[in-house]
C-alpha atoms as a PDB file:
ATOM      1  CA  MET A   1      25.055  14.518 -18.468  1.00  0.00           C
ATOM      2  CA  ALA A   2      22.546  12.005 -16.878  1.00  0.00           C
ATOM      3  CA  PHE A   3      20.305  10.437 -19.827  1.00  0.00           C
ATOM      4  CA  VAL A   4      16.375   9.968 -18.381  1.00  0.00           C
ATOM      5  CA  THR A   5      13.836   8.757 -21.329  1.00  0.00           C
ATOM      6  CA  ARG A   6       9.817   7.649 -21.139  1.00  0.00           C
ATOM      7  CA  PHE A   7       7.520   5.491 -23.085  1.00  0.00           C
ATOM      8  CA  ALA A   8       3.735   7.177 -22.491  1.00  0.00           C
ATOM      9  CA  PRO A   9       1.407   5.333 -23.330  1.00  0.00           C
ATOM     10  CA  SER A  10      -2.531   5.255 -23.219  1.00  0.00           C
ATOM     11  CA  PRO A  11      -4.714   2.847 -22.324  1.00  0.00           C
ATOM     12  CA  THR A  12      -7.546   3.105 -24.507  1.00  0.00           C
ATOM     13  CA  GLY A  13      -6.632   0.332 -27.050  1.00  0.00           C
ATOM     14  CA  PRO A  14      -4.396  -2.197 -28.572  1.00  0.00           C
ATOM     15  CA  LEU A  15      -1.044  -0.821 -28.672  1.00  0.00           C
ATOM     16  CA  HIS A  16       0.260  -1.514 -32.177  1.00  0.00           C
ATOM     17  CA  LEU A  17       3.749  -1.576 -33.987  1.00  0.00           C
ATOM     18  CA  GLY A  18       4.100   2.314 -33.939  1.00  0.00           C
ATOM     19  CA  HIS A  19       4.287   1.893 -30.539  1.00  0.00           C
ATOM     20  CA  ALA A  20       6.489  -0.724 -30.358  1.00  0.00           C
ATOM     21  CA  PHE A  21       8.715   1.142 -31.969  1.00  0.00           C
ATOM     22  CA  SER A  22       8.434   4.077 -29.990  1.00  0.00           C
ATOM     23  CA  ALA A  23       8.976   2.119 -26.521  1.00  0.00           C
ATOM     24  CA  LEU A  24      11.848  -0.098 -27.820  1.00  0.00           C
ATOM     25  CA  LEU A  25      13.547   3.264 -29.768  1.00  0.00           C
ATOM     26  CA  ALA A  26      13.399   5.189 -26.230  1.00  0.00           C
ATOM     27  CA  HIS A  27      14.456   1.475 -24.432  1.00  0.00           C
ATOM     28  CA  ASP A  28      17.467   0.993 -26.339  1.00  0.00           C
ATOM     29  CA  MET A  29      18.124   4.911 -26.764  1.00  0.00           C
ATOM     30  CA  ALA A  30      18.665   4.391 -22.317  1.00  0.00           C
ATOM     31  CA  ARG A  31      20.150   1.152 -22.202  1.00  0.00           C
ATOM     32  CA  ALA A  32      22.634   2.869 -24.832  1.00  0.00           C
ATOM     33  CA  ASN A  33      23.588   5.548 -22.694  1.00  0.00           C
ATOM     34  CA  ALA A  34      23.348   3.801 -19.273  1.00  0.00           C
ATOM     35  CA  GLY A  35      20.175   5.750 -18.744  1.00  0.00           C
ATOM     36  CA  THR A  36      16.645   5.272 -16.970  1.00  0.00           C
ATOM     37  CA  PHE A  37      13.740   4.438 -18.575  1.00  0.00           C
ATOM     38  CA  LEU A  38      10.937   5.161 -17.189  1.00  0.00           C
ATOM     39  CA  LEU A  39       7.017   4.536 -18.108  1.00  0.00           C
ATOM     40  CA  ARG A  40       4.057   6.734 -17.995  1.00  0.00           C
ATOM     41  CA  ILE A  41       0.138   5.918 -18.306  1.00  0.00           C
ATOM     42  CA  GLU A  42      -1.449   8.439 -19.684  1.00  0.00           C
ATOM     43  CA  ASP A  43      -4.700   7.362 -18.664  1.00  0.00           C
ATOM     44  CA  ILE A  44      -6.392  11.620 -18.218  1.00  0.00           C
ATOM     45  CA  ASP A  45      -9.477  10.125 -19.735  1.00  0.00           C
ATOM     46  CA  PRO A  46     -11.456   8.676 -18.081  1.00  0.00           C
ATOM     47  CA  GLN A  47     -14.396   7.433 -20.399  1.00  0.00           C
ATOM     48  CA  ARG A  48     -11.545   6.237 -22.734  1.00  0.00           C
ATOM     49  CA  SER A  49      -8.836   4.832 -20.223  1.00  0.00           C
ATOM     50  CA  LYS A  50      -9.723   1.238 -19.201  1.00  0.00           C
ATOM     51  CA  PRO A  51      -8.520  -1.330 -16.525  1.00  0.00           C
ATOM     52  CA  HIS A  52      -7.526  -4.159 -19.471  1.00  0.00           C
ATOM     53  CA  TRP A  53      -5.890  -1.947 -21.698  1.00  0.00           C
ATOM     54  CA  GLU A  54      -3.543  -0.850 -18.721  1.00  0.00           C
ATOM     55  CA  ALA A  55      -3.282  -4.733 -17.977  1.00  0.00           C
ATOM     56  CA  GLN A  56      -2.995  -5.806 -21.998  1.00  0.00           C
ATOM     57  CA  LEU A  57      -0.141  -3.252 -22.295  1.00  0.00           C
ATOM     58  CA  LEU A  58       2.062  -3.556 -19.333  1.00  0.00           C
ATOM     59  CA  ASP A  59       1.783  -7.326 -20.451  1.00  0.00           C
ATOM     60  CA  ASP A  60       3.007  -6.508 -24.424  1.00  0.00           C
ATOM     61  CA  LEU A  61       6.227  -4.357 -23.421  1.00  0.00           C
ATOM     62  CA  THR A  62       7.186  -7.001 -20.964  1.00  0.00           C
ATOM     63  CA  TRP A  63       7.198  -9.565 -23.654  1.00  0.00           C
ATOM     64  CA  LEU A  64       8.903  -7.392 -25.850  1.00  0.00           C
ATOM     65  CA  GLY A  65      11.836  -7.520 -23.234  1.00  0.00           C
ATOM     66  CA  ILE A  66      11.491  -3.615 -21.761  1.00  0.00           C
ATOM     67  CA  ARG A  67      12.220  -2.637 -18.306  1.00  0.00           C
ATOM     68  CA  TRP A  68      11.243  -0.069 -16.735  1.00  0.00           C
ATOM     69  CA  ASP A  69      13.227   1.647 -13.941  1.00  0.00           C
ATOM     70  CA  ALA A  70      10.781   2.479 -11.452  1.00  0.00           C
ATOM     71  CA  PRO A  71       7.351   2.100 -10.521  1.00  0.00           C
ATOM     72  CA  PRO A  72       5.327   3.623 -13.344  1.00  0.00           C
ATOM     73  CA  MET A  73       3.320   7.283 -13.115  1.00  0.00           C
ATOM     74  CA  ARG A  74      -0.027   7.282 -13.704  1.00  0.00           C
ATOM     75  CA  GLN A  75      -1.845  10.459 -14.682  1.00  0.00           C
ATOM     76  CA  SER A  76      -5.060   9.614 -12.720  1.00  0.00           C
ATOM     77  CA  ASP A  77      -2.836  10.168  -9.727  1.00  0.00           C
ATOM     78  CA  ARG A  78      -1.503  13.622 -10.351  1.00  0.00           C
ATOM     79  CA  MET A  79      -4.193  16.228 -10.252  1.00  0.00           C
ATOM     80  CA  PRO A  80      -3.200  18.021  -7.419  1.00  0.00           C
ATOM     81  CA  ALA A  81       0.096  18.432  -9.641  1.00  0.00           C
ATOM     82  CA  TYR A  82      -2.339  19.807 -12.825  1.00  0.00           C
ATOM     83  CA  ARG A  83      -4.136  21.798 -10.642  1.00  0.00           C
ATOM     84  CA  ALA A  84      -1.299  23.684  -8.795  1.00  0.00           C
ATOM     85  CA  ALA A  85       0.059  24.631 -12.452  1.00  0.00           C
ATOM     86  CA  LEU A  86      -3.083  26.215 -13.493  1.00  0.00           C
ATOM     87  CA  ASP A  87      -3.277  27.701  -9.924  1.00  0.00           C
ATOM     88  CA  ASP A  88      -0.340  29.212 -11.380  1.00  0.00           C
ATOM     89  CA  LEU A  89      -0.986  30.066 -14.345  1.00  0.00           C
ATOM     90  CA  TRP A  90      -4.657  31.840 -13.587  1.00  0.00           C
ATOM     91  CA  SER A  91      -3.234  34.069 -10.502  1.00  0.00           C
ATOM     92  CA  ARG A  92      -0.868  35.538 -12.910  1.00  0.00           C
ATOM     93  CA  GLY A  93      -3.738  36.667 -15.403  1.00  0.00           C
ATOM     94  CA  LEU A  94      -2.445  33.578 -18.509  1.00  0.00           C
ATOM     95  CA  LEU A  95      -6.061  31.577 -18.731  1.00  0.00           C
ATOM     96  CA  TYR A  96      -9.496  32.837 -19.158  1.00  0.00           C
ATOM     97  CA  PRO A  97     -12.251  30.670 -19.322  1.00  0.00           C
ATOM     98  CA  CYS A  98     -14.244  29.301 -22.402  1.00  0.00           C
ATOM     99  CA  THR A  99     -17.291  28.035 -22.993  1.00  0.00           C
ATOM    100  CA  CYS A 100     -16.938  28.117 -27.090  1.00  0.00           C
ATOM    101  CA  THR A 101     -18.094  24.256 -28.465  1.00  0.00           C
ATOM    102  CA  ARG A 102     -16.688  23.012 -31.772  1.00  0.00           C
ATOM    103  CA  ARG A 103     -19.418  24.124 -33.321  1.00  0.00           C
ATOM    104  CA  ASP A 104     -19.241  27.923 -31.997  1.00  0.00           C
ATOM    105  CA  ILE A 105     -15.555  27.771 -33.286  1.00  0.00           C
ATOM    106  CA  ASP A 106     -16.125  26.449 -36.670  1.00  0.00           C
ATOM    107  CA  GLN A 107     -18.946  28.874 -37.074  1.00  0.00           C
ATOM    108  CA  ALA A 108     -16.673  31.406 -36.147  1.00  0.00           C
ATOM    109  CA  LEU A 109     -13.874  30.814 -38.146  1.00  0.00           C
ATOM    110  CA  SER A 110     -16.222  30.372 -40.769  1.00  0.00           C
ATOM    111  CA  ALA A 111     -17.380  33.320 -41.191  1.00  0.00           C
ATOM    112  CA  PRO A 112     -16.056  35.214 -44.547  1.00  0.00           C
ATOM    113  CA  GLN A 113     -13.950  38.064 -42.865  1.00  0.00           C
ATOM    114  CA  GLU A 114     -12.106  35.698 -41.275  1.00  0.00           C
ATOM    115  CA  GLY A 115     -10.765  34.081 -44.382  1.00  0.00           C
ATOM    116  CA  ALA A 116      -9.004  30.797 -44.193  1.00  0.00           C
ATOM    117  CA  PRO A 117      -9.264  29.017 -40.771  1.00  0.00           C
ATOM    118  CA  HIS A 118      -5.613  28.304 -39.195  1.00  0.00           C
ATOM    119  CA  HIS A 119      -4.681  24.946 -37.932  1.00  0.00           C
ATOM    120  CA  GLY A 120      -2.165  24.115 -36.017  1.00  0.00           C
ATOM    121  CA  PRO A 121      -0.984  21.436 -33.456  1.00  0.00           C
ATOM    122  CA  ASP A 122      -4.119  21.439 -31.142  1.00  0.00           C
ATOM    123  CA  GLY A 123      -6.501  22.114 -34.520  1.00  0.00           C
ATOM    124  CA  PRO A 124      -8.104  25.308 -35.310  1.00  0.00           C
ATOM    125  CA  VAL A 125      -6.449  28.231 -34.236  1.00  0.00           C
ATOM    126  CA  TYR A 126      -9.025  29.738 -31.577  1.00  0.00           C
ATOM    127  CA  PRO A 127     -10.362  33.194 -32.892  1.00  0.00           C
ATOM    128  CA  GLY A 128     -10.473  34.555 -28.901  1.00  0.00           C
ATOM    129  CA  THR A 129     -14.162  34.739 -28.786  1.00  0.00           C
ATOM    130  CA  CYS A 130     -14.251  34.629 -25.249  1.00  0.00           C
ATOM    131  CA  ARG A 131     -10.546  36.535 -24.227  1.00  0.00           C
ATOM    132  CA  ASP A 132     -11.683  39.563 -23.151  1.00  0.00           C
ATOM    133  CA  ARG A 133     -14.933  38.461 -21.226  1.00  0.00           C
ATOM    134  CA  PRO A 134     -14.756  39.053 -18.054  1.00  0.00           C
ATOM    135  CA  ARG A 135     -12.565  36.408 -15.196  1.00  0.00           C
ATOM    136  CA  PRO A 136     -14.344  35.340 -12.613  1.00  0.00           C
ATOM    137  CA  ALA A 137     -12.033  36.041  -9.282  1.00  0.00           C
ATOM    138  CA  LEU A 138     -11.571  32.149  -8.154  1.00  0.00           C
ATOM    139  CA  ARG A 139     -10.356  29.887 -10.808  1.00  0.00           C
ATOM    140  CA  PRO A 140     -13.628  27.740 -12.102  1.00  0.00           C
ATOM    141  CA  THR A 141     -13.355  23.871 -12.724  1.00  0.00           C
ATOM    142  CA  ASP A 142     -16.657  23.246 -14.796  1.00  0.00           C
ATOM    143  CA  GLN A 143     -15.462  25.421 -18.172  1.00  0.00           C
ATOM    144  CA  HIS A 144     -12.851  25.169 -20.659  1.00  0.00           C
ATOM    145  CA  LEU A 145      -9.269  26.966 -19.674  1.00  0.00           C
ATOM    146  CA  ARG A 146      -7.176  28.798 -22.536  1.00  0.00           C
ATOM    147  CA  LEU A 147      -3.903  30.495 -22.568  1.00  0.00           C
ATOM    148  CA  ASN A 148      -4.017  34.021 -22.968  1.00  0.00           C
ATOM    149  CA  MET A 149      -0.933  33.489 -26.183  1.00  0.00           C
ATOM    150  CA  ALA A 150      -0.574  37.438 -26.394  1.00  0.00           C
ATOM    151  CA  ALA A 151      -0.052  37.030 -22.260  1.00  0.00           C
ATOM    152  CA  ALA A 152       1.926  34.218 -22.233  1.00  0.00           C
ATOM    153  CA  LEU A 153       4.873  35.646 -24.837  1.00  0.00           C
ATOM    154  CA  ALA A 154       4.564  39.110 -23.092  1.00  0.00           C
ATOM    155  CA  ALA A 155       5.879  36.699 -19.582  1.00  0.00           C
ATOM    156  CA  ILE A 156       9.186  35.500 -21.011  1.00  0.00           C
ATOM    157  CA  ALA A 157      11.806  36.228 -23.214  1.00  0.00           C
ATOM    158  CA  ALA A 158      11.449  35.224 -26.970  1.00  0.00           C
ATOM    159  CA  GLU A 159      14.507  33.661 -27.070  1.00  0.00           C
ATOM    160  CA  ALA A 160      13.207  31.040 -23.848  1.00  0.00           C
ATOM    161  CA  THR A 161      11.218  29.213 -26.562  1.00  0.00           C
ATOM    162  CA  ARG A 162      14.062  27.466 -28.342  1.00  0.00           C
ATOM    163  CA  PHE A 163      14.647  23.777 -28.090  1.00  0.00           C
ATOM    164  CA  THR A 164      17.386  20.934 -28.906  1.00  0.00           C
ATOM    165  CA  GLU A 165      15.812  18.126 -31.169  1.00  0.00           C
ATOM    166  CA  THR A 166      17.834  15.413 -31.962  1.00  0.00           C
ATOM    167  CA  GLY A 167      15.709  13.539 -34.653  1.00  0.00           C
ATOM    168  CA  PRO A 168      16.482  12.578 -38.655  1.00  0.00           C
ATOM    169  CA  ALA A 169      13.889  14.593 -39.914  1.00  0.00           C
ATOM    170  CA  HIS A 170      14.509  18.117 -37.817  1.00  0.00           C
ATOM    171  CA  ALA A 171      17.740  17.933 -35.929  1.00  0.00           C
ATOM    172  CA  GLY A 172      19.189  21.251 -34.349  1.00  0.00           C
ATOM    173  CA  THR A 173      18.007  23.940 -32.288  1.00  0.00           C
ATOM    174  CA  ILE A 174      14.492  24.851 -33.277  1.00  0.00           C
ATOM    175  CA  ALA A 175      12.653  28.180 -32.041  1.00  0.00           C
ATOM    176  CA  THR A 176       9.103  29.707 -32.927  1.00  0.00           C
ATOM    177  CA  SER A 177       8.581  33.115 -33.347  1.00  0.00           C
ATOM    178  CA  ALA A 178       5.747  34.985 -31.342  1.00  0.00           C
ATOM    179  CA  THR A 179       4.495  35.432 -34.964  1.00  0.00           C
ATOM    180  CA  GLY A 180       4.290  31.860 -35.279  1.00  0.00           C
ATOM    181  CA  TYR A 181       2.827  31.143 -31.993  1.00  0.00           C
ATOM    182  CA  LEU A 182       0.007  33.634 -32.114  1.00  0.00           C
ATOM    183  CA  ALA A 183      -1.278  32.579 -36.037  1.00  0.00           C
ATOM    184  CA  GLN A 184      -0.620  28.810 -35.950  1.00  0.00           C
ATOM    185  CA  ILE A 185      -0.983  27.942 -32.345  1.00  0.00           C
ATOM    186  CA  GLY A 186      -3.240  30.942 -30.490  1.00  0.00           C
ATOM    187  CA  ASP A 187      -4.810  30.658 -27.540  1.00  0.00           C
ATOM    188  CA  ILE A 188      -4.689  26.769 -26.580  1.00  0.00           C
ATOM    189  CA  VAL A 189      -6.745  24.674 -24.315  1.00  0.00           C
ATOM    190  CA  LEU A 190      -5.274  23.757 -21.107  1.00  0.00           C
ATOM    191  CA  ALA A 191      -7.903  22.153 -18.701  1.00  0.00           C
ATOM    192  CA  ARG A 192     -10.929  20.850 -20.067  1.00  0.00           C
ATOM    193  CA  LYS A 193     -14.123  21.146 -18.137  1.00  0.00           C
ATOM    194  CA  ASP A 194     -14.605  17.225 -18.084  1.00  0.00           C
ATOM    195  CA  PHE A 195     -10.533  16.532 -17.658  1.00  0.00           C
ATOM    196  CA  GLY A 196      -9.508  19.087 -15.591  1.00  0.00           C
ATOM    197  CA  THR A 197      -6.011  19.284 -17.316  1.00  0.00           C
ATOM    198  CA  SER A 198      -4.941  18.588 -20.722  1.00  0.00           C
ATOM    199  CA  TYR A 199      -2.428  16.514 -22.403  1.00  0.00           C
ATOM    200  CA  HIS A 200      -0.033  19.682 -23.030  1.00  0.00           C
ATOM    201  CA  LEU A 201      -0.285  20.507 -19.490  1.00  0.00           C
ATOM    202  CA  SER A 202      -0.136  17.669 -17.705  1.00  0.00           C
ATOM    203  CA  VAL A 203       2.662  16.130 -20.414  1.00  0.00           C
ATOM    204  CA  VAL A 204       4.969  19.360 -19.193  1.00  0.00           C
ATOM    205  CA  VAL A 205       4.096  19.199 -15.588  1.00  0.00           C
ATOM    206  CA  ASP A 206       4.976  15.092 -15.286  1.00  0.00           C
ATOM    207  CA  ASP A 207       7.684  15.241 -17.787  1.00  0.00           C
ATOM    208  CA  ALA A 208       9.813  17.440 -14.798  1.00  0.00           C
ATOM    209  CA  ALA A 209       8.296  15.565 -12.159  1.00  0.00           C
ATOM    210  CA  GLN A 210       9.948  12.563 -13.907  1.00  0.00           C
ATOM    211  CA  GLY A 211      13.335  14.059 -14.537  1.00  0.00           C
ATOM    212  CA  ILE A 212      12.964  13.540 -17.992  1.00  0.00           C
ATOM    213  CA  THR A 213      16.136  14.545 -19.934  1.00  0.00           C
ATOM    214  CA  HIS A 214      15.574  13.479 -23.358  1.00  0.00           C
ATOM    215  CA  VAL A 215      12.025  12.843 -25.088  1.00  0.00           C
ATOM    216  CA  THR A 216      11.708  10.222 -27.315  1.00  0.00           C
ATOM    217  CA  ARG A 217       8.314  10.221 -29.211  1.00  0.00           C
ATOM    218  CA  GLY A 218       6.537  10.291 -32.862  1.00  0.00           C
ATOM    219  CA  GLU A 219       6.698  12.814 -34.851  1.00  0.00           C
ATOM    220  CA  ASP A 220       3.244  13.636 -35.427  1.00  0.00           C
ATOM    221  CA  LEU A 221       3.877  14.961 -32.049  1.00  0.00           C
ATOM    222  CA  PHE A 222       7.103  17.462 -33.537  1.00  0.00           C
ATOM    223  CA  GLU A 223       4.782  21.091 -33.558  1.00  0.00           C
ATOM    224  CA  ALA A 224       3.369  20.745 -30.327  1.00  0.00           C
ATOM    225  CA  THR A 225       6.645  20.901 -28.633  1.00  0.00           C
ATOM    226  CA  ALA A 226       6.501  24.489 -29.369  1.00  0.00           C
ATOM    227  CA  ILE A 227       3.866  24.591 -27.003  1.00  0.00           C
ATOM    228  CA  HIS A 228       5.575  21.989 -24.561  1.00  0.00           C
ATOM    229  CA  VAL A 229       8.666  24.247 -24.441  1.00  0.00           C
ATOM    230  CA  LEU A 230       6.346  27.218 -23.867  1.00  0.00           C
ATOM    231  CA  LEU A 231       4.574  26.605 -20.760  1.00  0.00           C
ATOM    232  CA  GLN A 232       8.274  25.254 -19.420  1.00  0.00           C
ATOM    233  CA  ARG A 233       9.043  28.096 -19.429  1.00  0.00           C
ATOM    234  CA  LEU A 234       5.742  29.555 -17.926  1.00  0.00           C
ATOM    235  CA  LEU A 235       6.178  27.488 -15.351  1.00  0.00           C
ATOM    236  CA  GLY A 236      10.101  27.318 -14.341  1.00  0.00           C
ATOM    237  CA  LEU A 237      10.409  23.761 -15.611  1.00  0.00           C
ATOM    238  CA  PRO A 238      13.297  22.554 -17.611  1.00  0.00           C
ATOM    239  CA  THR A 239      13.381  21.556 -21.139  1.00  0.00           C
ATOM    240  CA  PRO A 240      14.446  18.411 -21.965  1.00  0.00           C
ATOM    241  CA  VAL A 241      16.178  17.334 -25.448  1.00  0.00           C
ATOM    242  CA  TYR A 242      13.524  16.505 -27.692  1.00  0.00           C
ATOM    243  CA  HIS A 243      13.925  13.245 -30.609  1.00  0.00           C
ATOM    244  CA  HIS A 244      10.883  12.604 -32.777  1.00  0.00           C
ATOM    245  CA  HIS A 245      11.232   9.717 -34.521  1.00  0.00           C
ATOM    246  CA  ARG A 246       9.582   8.108 -37.944  1.00  0.00           C
ATOM    247  CA  LEU A 247       6.126   6.548 -37.655  1.00  0.00           C
ATOM    248  CA  ILE A 248       4.895   3.179 -38.557  1.00  0.00           C
ATOM    249  CA  ARG A 249       2.520   3.665 -41.152  1.00  0.00           C
ATOM    250  CA  ASP A 250       0.125   0.820 -42.494  1.00  0.00           C
ATOM    251  CA  ASP A 251       0.934  -0.435 -46.750  1.00  0.00           C
ATOM    252  CA  LYS A 252      -0.894   2.691 -47.887  1.00  0.00           C
ATOM    253  CA  GLY A 253       1.456   5.280 -46.044  1.00  0.00           C
ATOM    254  CA  LYS A 254      -1.218   6.003 -43.112  1.00  0.00           C
ATOM    255  CA  ARG A 255       0.209   6.191 -39.713  1.00  0.00           C
ATOM    256  CA  LEU A 256      -0.961   3.539 -37.448  1.00  0.00           C
ATOM    257  CA  ALA A 257      -4.554   4.694 -34.729  1.00  0.00           C
ATOM    258  CA  LYS A 258      -5.508   2.321 -31.562  1.00  0.00           C
ATOM    259  CA  ARG A 259      -8.463   1.301 -34.371  1.00  0.00           C
ATOM    260  CA  ASP A 260      -5.749  -0.818 -36.107  1.00  0.00           C
ATOM    261  CA  ASP A 261      -6.074  -4.237 -34.855  1.00  0.00           C
ATOM    262  CA  ALA A 262      -4.819  -5.736 -37.289  1.00  0.00           C
ATOM    263  CA  ARG A 263      -1.473  -4.767 -36.241  1.00  0.00           C
ATOM    264  CA  ALA A 264      -2.219  -5.170 -32.402  1.00  0.00           C
ATOM    265  CA  LEU A 265       0.874  -6.674 -31.089  1.00  0.00           C
ATOM    266  CA  ALA A 266      -1.365  -8.703 -29.028  1.00  0.00           C
ATOM    267  CA  ARG A 267      -2.387 -10.437 -32.509  1.00  0.00           C
ATOM    268  CA  TYR A 268       1.140 -10.403 -33.201  1.00  0.00           C
ATOM    269  CA  ARG A 269       1.550 -12.473 -30.024  1.00  0.00           C
ATOM    270  CA  ALA A 270      -1.193 -14.941 -31.307  1.00  0.00           C
ATOM    271  CA  GLU A 271      -0.235 -15.768 -34.682  1.00  0.00           C
ATOM    272  CA  GLY A 272       3.305 -16.697 -33.325  1.00  0.00           C
ATOM    273  CA  ALA A 273       5.180 -13.686 -33.952  1.00  0.00           C
ATOM    274  CA  SER A 274       8.724 -13.150 -31.724  1.00  0.00           C
ATOM    275  CA  PRO A 275       9.721 -10.018 -29.958  1.00  0.00           C
ATOM    276  CA  GLN A 276      12.942 -10.257 -32.176  1.00  0.00           C
ATOM    277  CA  ASP A 277      10.322 -10.557 -35.226  1.00  0.00           C
ATOM    278  CA  ILE A 278       8.506  -7.407 -34.119  1.00  0.00           C
ATOM    279  CA  ARG A 279      11.723  -4.995 -33.402  1.00  0.00           C
ATOM    280  CA  HIS A 280      12.327  -6.461 -37.365  1.00  0.00           C
ATOM    281  CA  MET A 281       9.109  -5.378 -38.157  1.00  0.00           C
ATOM    282  CA  VAL A 282       9.375  -1.796 -37.241  1.00  0.00           C
ATOM    283  CA  GLY A 283      13.035  -2.120 -38.728  1.00  0.00           C
ATOM    284  CA  LEU A 284      14.897  -2.169 -35.198  1.00  0.00           C
ATOM    285  CA  GLU A 285      16.599  -5.030 -36.616  1.00  0.00           C
END
């Protein structure tokens, strides 16, 4: 079986030790399996994605000794593919427009009759406020678009949402029940009016376009995989093997984020660290 994996950073800030671990692990796995390592720049957020951050991350990855086997894919070049996927789902009645703000959703979920709100991999589970409103004939581009989860589940076989996980915390065959999708995930946003797409939709479409057979990423995205497998089934796309790895945390056990400049690779480089030092810091040596 071919082995194709990828690293998919967003150019919205400096790469830190957590990014280094994820990129190095994916690169190591590809080389150990005589496979292919690809790079994808996830720049669908036009406000936060900056050219200088992209240039910095490319330089940091090269310094680490990481080499990608094809030119990087940029999500900002992929909008026609996302629109095609949305058109497909819209034509099948699986999407609906949503005008709710975050405040609207919070207020609806805090109503006494709702009970305690459920939080899933996409945030608070949407209460369905806009679900049964009349849909326009044409897919709107100026509103959020949500997946009608009940209709989506009805469109596929229940067993089709299984996937293979090789990460140490969840290894095995993973399945999510219909009840789990409805109660713990709900009607997720697949297109934001300011992006024209969403992380969940774009990552699924792009993994298929790049021929990814093994997705290597942090365990913070494990719960979102149920969403991605569902979308793969709905769009007729292959499901890769997933490997969710441990997260690199700070001294207090908190997961690193882009704001953790003290852990930025550029800072370690400026202080004289070597690529081998970075590998040691993240536990790969």
